[in-house]
Amino acid sequence: MAAAGAGGGGLVVCNSSHKLRLPNLRKANMASDLAFVTSQFGGIKLSCTHLQLPNPIPSAPLTLPLRPVAGCCRVCPFTGKKANKANKVSFSNHKTKKLQFVNLQYKRIWWEAGKRYVKLRLSTKALKTIEKNGLDAVAKKAGIDLRKE
């Protein structure tokens, strides 16, 4: 690790391949207002007076891609069923944690109001409910808009 003064008027701290450039430091009032800065790169800790850091680079807002209603992870969108935590018990009564997942199936169902097929990932319990009550009634109760798919 090496520190050297740069001709441009700032302090450059080198730690392997990363460089941290700091602005000029005034020597007046060194005893007062002591500031500490830690580098993001190598964990270097610097102490100086009247440190003025440059404004951080604005990053783009984090945008996540929109998922379809049926594309959620191991949860049935119609019934809300999700994995159950259980114990796997051996012959010696040794208990280990395990997850019992929902029986999710990809199913193409005819949607009468839309006059087309809708491909859904749903549990077998929801499939039985849809056969009994109809797709529109079950989707309305679950708050799912089938027109978006």
C-alpha atoms as a PDB file:
ATOM      1  CA  MET A   1       0.000   0.000   0.000  1.00  0.00           C
ATOM      2  CA  ALA A   2       1.405   3.372  -0.954  1.00  0.00           C
ATOM      3  CA  ALA A   3       0.270   6.984  -0.624  1.00  0.00           C
ATOM      4  CA  ALA A   4       1.517   9.710  -2.891  1.00  0.00           C
ATOM      5  CA  GLY A   5       0.657  13.332  -3.607  1.00  0.00           C
ATOM      6  CA  ALA A   6      -0.644  13.996  -7.089  1.00  0.00           C
ATOM      7  CA  GLY A   7       0.114  17.004  -9.234  1.00  0.00           C
ATOM      8  CA  GLY A   8      -3.626  17.623  -9.678  1.00  0.00           C
ATOM      9  CA  GLY A   9      -3.948  18.660  -6.042  1.00  0.00           C
ATOM     10  CA  GLY A  10      -5.376  15.565  -4.383  1.00  0.00           C
ATOM     11  CA  LEU A  11      -4.172  12.645  -2.306  1.00  0.00           C
ATOM     12  CA  VAL A  12      -4.144   9.291  -4.111  1.00  0.00           C
ATOM     13  CA  VAL A  13      -4.205   6.164  -1.961  1.00  0.00           C
ATOM     14  CA  CYS A  14      -3.257   2.962  -3.771  1.00  0.00           C
ATOM     15  CA  ASN A  15      -4.346  -0.447  -2.525  1.00  0.00           C
ATOM     16  CA  SER A  16      -3.474  -3.176  -5.043  1.00  0.00           C
ATOM     17  CA  SER A  17      -5.469  -2.255  -8.167  1.00  0.00           C
ATOM     18  CA  HIS A  18      -7.953   0.227  -6.615  1.00  0.00           C
ATOM     19  CA  LYS A  19      -7.306   3.952  -6.238  1.00  0.00           C
ATOM     20  CA  LEU A  20      -9.108   6.439  -4.025  1.00  0.00           C
ATOM     21  CA  ARG A  21      -8.676  10.129  -4.868  1.00  0.00           C
ATOM     22  CA  LEU A  22      -9.249  12.661  -2.110  1.00  0.00           C
ATOM     23  CA  PRO A  23      -9.415  16.469  -2.529  1.00  0.00           C
ATOM     24  CA  ASN A  24      -6.804  18.912  -1.162  1.00  0.00           C
ATOM     25  CA  LEU A  25      -6.603  19.111   2.617  1.00  0.00           C
ATOM     26  CA  ARG A  26      -6.023  22.358   4.491  1.00  0.00           C
ATOM     27  CA  LYS A  27      -3.525  22.265   7.338  1.00  0.00           C
ATOM     28  CA  ALA A  28      -5.285  24.910   9.447  1.00  0.00           C
ATOM     29  CA  ASN A  29      -7.237  23.772  12.514  1.00  0.00           C
ATOM     30  CA  MET A  30      -5.864  20.196  12.412  1.00  0.00           C
ATOM     31  CA  ALA A  31      -6.850  19.527  16.023  1.00  0.00           C
ATOM     32  CA  SER A  32     -10.468  20.437  15.407  1.00  0.00           C
ATOM     33  CA  ASP A  33     -12.955  18.595  13.217  1.00  0.00           C
ATOM     34  CA  LEU A  34     -11.138  15.307  12.624  1.00  0.00           C
ATOM     35  CA  ALA A  35     -12.948  13.198  10.008  1.00  0.00           C
ATOM     36  CA  PHE A  36     -12.586   9.487   9.260  1.00  0.00           C
ATOM     37  CA  VAL A  37     -13.200   7.941   5.853  1.00  0.00           C
ATOM     38  CA  THR A  38     -13.240   4.250   4.996  1.00  0.00           C
ATOM     39  CA  SER A  39     -12.619   3.154   1.424  1.00  0.00           C
ATOM     40  CA  GLN A  40     -15.143   0.872  -0.237  1.00  0.00           C
ATOM     41  CA  PHE A  41     -12.435  -1.113  -1.959  1.00  0.00           C
ATOM     42  CA  GLY A  42      -9.832  -2.279   0.506  1.00  0.00           C
ATOM     43  CA  GLY A  43     -11.093  -1.210   3.928  1.00  0.00           C
ATOM     44  CA  ILE A  44      -8.442   1.552   4.164  1.00  0.00           C
ATOM     45  CA  LYS A  45      -9.105   3.955   7.022  1.00  0.00           C
ATOM     46  CA  LEU A  46      -7.919   7.551   6.560  1.00  0.00           C
ATOM     47  CA  SER A  47      -8.063  10.419   9.011  1.00  0.00           C
ATOM     48  CA  CYS A  48      -7.881  14.048   7.943  1.00  0.00           C
ATOM     49  CA  THR A  49      -9.337  17.485   8.646  1.00  0.00           C
ATOM     50  CA  HIS A  50     -12.079  19.240   6.707  1.00  0.00           C
ATOM     51  CA  LEU A  51     -12.626  16.397   4.272  1.00  0.00           C
ATOM     52  CA  GLN A  52     -14.937  17.204   1.394  1.00  0.00           C
ATOM     53  CA  LEU A  53     -15.981  14.084  -0.473  1.00  0.00           C
ATOM     54  CA  PRO A  54     -17.242  14.377  -4.060  1.00  0.00           C
ATOM     55  CA  ASN A  55     -20.901  13.731  -4.701  1.00  0.00           C
ATOM     56  CA  PRO A  56     -21.665  10.019  -5.183  1.00  0.00           C
ATOM     57  CA  ILE A  57     -22.450   8.852  -8.695  1.00  0.00           C
ATOM     58  CA  PRO A  58     -26.222   8.622  -9.054  1.00  0.00           C
ATOM     59  CA  SER A  59     -27.192   5.081  -9.853  1.00  0.00           C
ATOM     60  CA  ALA A  60     -30.173   4.077 -11.928  1.00  0.00           C
ATOM     61  CA  PRO A  61     -33.185   3.053  -9.861  1.00  0.00           C
ATOM     62  CA  LEU A  62     -33.514  -0.675  -9.367  1.00  0.00           C
ATOM     63  CA  THR A  63     -36.291  -1.981 -11.580  1.00  0.00           C
ATOM     64  CA  LEU A  64     -37.358  -5.581 -11.387  1.00  0.00           C
ATOM     65  CA  PRO A  65     -38.985  -7.285 -14.355  1.00  0.00           C
ATOM     66  CA  LEU A  66     -42.706  -7.845 -13.952  1.00  0.00           C
ATOM     67  CA  ARG A  67     -43.693 -11.454 -13.493  1.00  0.00           C
ATOM     68  CA  PRO A  68     -46.871 -12.976 -14.810  1.00  0.00           C
ATOM     69  CA  VAL A  69     -49.422 -13.900 -12.174  1.00  0.00           C
ATOM     70  CA  ALA A  70     -48.875 -17.631 -12.621  1.00  0.00           C
ATOM     71  CA  GLY A  71     -45.049 -17.360 -12.663  1.00  0.00           C
ATOM     72  CA  CYS A  72     -44.602 -16.916  -8.919  1.00  0.00           C
ATOM     73  CA  CYS A  73     -42.256 -19.194  -7.031  1.00  0.00           C
ATOM     74  CA  ARG A  74     -43.839 -22.353  -5.609  1.00  0.00           C
ATOM     75  CA  VAL A  75     -47.014 -20.621  -4.419  1.00  0.00           C
ATOM     76  CA  CYS A  76     -50.437 -21.221  -5.930  1.00  0.00           C
ATOM     77  CA  PRO A  77     -51.907 -17.851  -7.003  1.00  0.00           C
ATOM     78  CA  PHE A  78     -55.500 -19.079  -6.619  1.00  0.00           C
ATOM     79  CA  THR A  79     -55.425 -20.798  -3.219  1.00  0.00           C
ATOM     80  CA  GLY A  80     -52.322 -19.194  -1.694  1.00  0.00           C
ATOM     81  CA  LYS A  81     -50.900 -22.599  -0.795  1.00  0.00           C
ATOM     82  CA  LYS A  82     -47.142 -22.629  -0.158  1.00  0.00           C
ATOM     83  CA  ALA A  83     -44.475 -24.990   1.152  1.00  0.00           C
ATOM     84  CA  ASN A  84     -44.944 -26.575   4.577  1.00  0.00           C
ATOM     85  CA  LYS A  85     -42.069 -26.991   7.032  1.00  0.00           C
ATOM     86  CA  ALA A  86     -41.885 -30.522   8.375  1.00  0.00           C
ATOM     87  CA  ASN A  87     -39.529 -32.989  10.009  1.00  0.00           C
ATOM     88  CA  LYS A  88     -38.054 -35.993   8.266  1.00  0.00           C
ATOM     89  CA  VAL A  89     -37.914 -38.685  10.969  1.00  0.00           C
ATOM     90  CA  SER A  90     -35.462 -41.546  10.598  1.00  0.00           C
ATOM     91  CA  PHE A  91     -35.689 -45.017  12.143  1.00  0.00           C
ATOM     92  CA  SER A  92     -33.526 -43.821  15.052  1.00  0.00           C
ATOM     93  CA  ASN A  93     -35.994 -40.942  15.583  1.00  0.00           C
ATOM     94  CA  HIS A  94     -33.440 -38.386  14.330  1.00  0.00           C
ATOM     95  CA  LYS A  95     -35.350 -35.363  13.014  1.00  0.00           C
ATOM     96  CA  THR A  96     -34.171 -33.267  10.075  1.00  0.00           C
ATOM     97  CA  LYS A  97     -35.978 -30.250   8.656  1.00  0.00           C
ATOM     98  CA  LYS A  98     -37.515 -30.544   5.190  1.00  0.00           C
ATOM     99  CA  LEU A  99     -40.011 -28.701   3.023  1.00  0.00           C
ATOM    100  CA  GLN A 100     -43.169 -30.260   1.646  1.00  0.00           C
ATOM    101  CA  PHE A 101     -43.866 -28.388  -1.563  1.00  0.00           C
ATOM    102  CA  VAL A 102     -47.246 -27.739  -3.139  1.00  0.00           C
ATOM    103  CA  ASN A 103     -48.229 -29.938  -6.081  1.00  0.00           C
ATOM    104  CA  LEU A 104     -48.062 -27.209  -8.744  1.00  0.00           C
ATOM    105  CA  GLN A 105     -48.885 -28.062 -12.328  1.00  0.00           C
ATOM    106  CA  TYR A 106     -48.791 -26.088 -15.582  1.00  0.00           C
ATOM    107  CA  LYS A 107     -52.261 -26.317 -17.065  1.00  0.00           C
ATOM    108  CA  ARG A 108     -53.903 -24.800 -20.123  1.00  0.00           C
ATOM    109  CA  ILE A 109     -57.510 -23.969 -19.215  1.00  0.00           C
ATOM    110  CA  TRP A 110     -60.264 -22.704 -21.510  1.00  0.00           C
ATOM    111  CA  TRP A 111     -61.439 -19.262 -20.398  1.00  0.00           C
ATOM    112  CA  GLU A 112     -65.040 -18.878 -21.549  1.00  0.00           C
ATOM    113  CA  ALA A 113     -65.299 -15.098 -21.100  1.00  0.00           C
ATOM    114  CA  GLY A 114     -62.100 -14.447 -23.049  1.00  0.00           C
ATOM    115  CA  LYS A 115     -62.822 -17.132 -25.672  1.00  0.00           C
ATOM    116  CA  ARG A 116     -59.254 -18.451 -25.460  1.00  0.00           C
ATOM    117  CA  TYR A 117     -56.947 -20.748 -23.519  1.00  0.00           C
ATOM    118  CA  VAL A 118     -55.051 -19.412 -20.507  1.00  0.00           C
ATOM    119  CA  LYS A 119     -51.850 -21.138 -19.400  1.00  0.00           C
ATOM    120  CA  LEU A 120     -51.612 -21.185 -15.589  1.00  0.00           C
ATOM    121  CA  ARG A 121     -49.405 -22.722 -12.933  1.00  0.00           C
ATOM    122  CA  LEU A 122     -51.719 -23.822 -10.169  1.00  0.00           C
ATOM    123  CA  SER A 123     -52.098 -26.437  -7.470  1.00  0.00           C
ATOM    124  CA  THR A 124     -54.191 -29.546  -7.982  1.00  0.00           C
ATOM    125  CA  LYS A 125     -56.551 -28.320  -5.257  1.00  0.00           C
ATOM    126  CA  ALA A 126     -57.137 -25.120  -7.282  1.00  0.00           C
ATOM    127  CA  LEU A 127     -57.713 -27.219 -10.394  1.00  0.00           C
ATOM    128  CA  LYS A 128     -60.492 -29.140  -8.616  1.00  0.00           C
ATOM    129  CA  THR A 129     -61.987 -25.852  -7.383  1.00  0.00           C
ATOM    130  CA  ILE A 130     -61.933 -24.397 -10.912  1.00  0.00           C
ATOM    131  CA  GLU A 131     -63.685 -27.508 -12.283  1.00  0.00           C
ATOM    132  CA  LYS A 132     -66.364 -27.129  -9.595  1.00  0.00           C
ATOM    133  CA  ASN A 133     -66.945 -23.339  -9.543  1.00  0.00           C
ATOM    134  CA  GLY A 134     -65.556 -22.122 -12.884  1.00  0.00           C
ATOM    135  CA  LEU A 135     -62.437 -20.147 -13.781  1.00  0.00           C
ATOM    136  CA  ASP A 136     -64.045 -16.684 -13.616  1.00  0.00           C
ATOM    137  CA  ALA A 137     -65.444 -17.176 -10.100  1.00  0.00           C
ATOM    138  CA  VAL A 138     -62.181 -18.553  -8.678  1.00  0.00           C
ATOM    139  CA  ALA A 139     -60.052 -15.856 -10.355  1.00  0.00           C
ATOM    140  CA  LYS A 140     -62.368 -13.109  -9.108  1.00  0.00           C
ATOM    141  CA  LYS A 141     -62.243 -14.448  -5.543  1.00  0.00           C
ATOM    142  CA  ALA A 142     -58.422 -14.631  -5.684  1.00  0.00           C
ATOM    143  CA  GLY A 143     -58.170 -11.143  -7.234  1.00  0.00           C
ATOM    144  CA  ILE A 144     -56.452 -12.323 -10.419  1.00  0.00           C
ATOM    145  CA  ASP A 145     -56.963 -10.484 -13.707  1.00  0.00           C
ATOM    146  CA  LEU A 146     -56.866 -13.087 -16.496  1.00  0.00           C
ATOM    147  CA  ARG A 147     -56.831 -10.413 -19.243  1.00  0.00           C
ATOM    148  CA  LYS A 148     -53.158  -9.566 -18.487  1.00  0.00           C
ATOM    149  CA  GLU A 149     -51.856 -12.937 -19.609  1.00  0.00           C
END
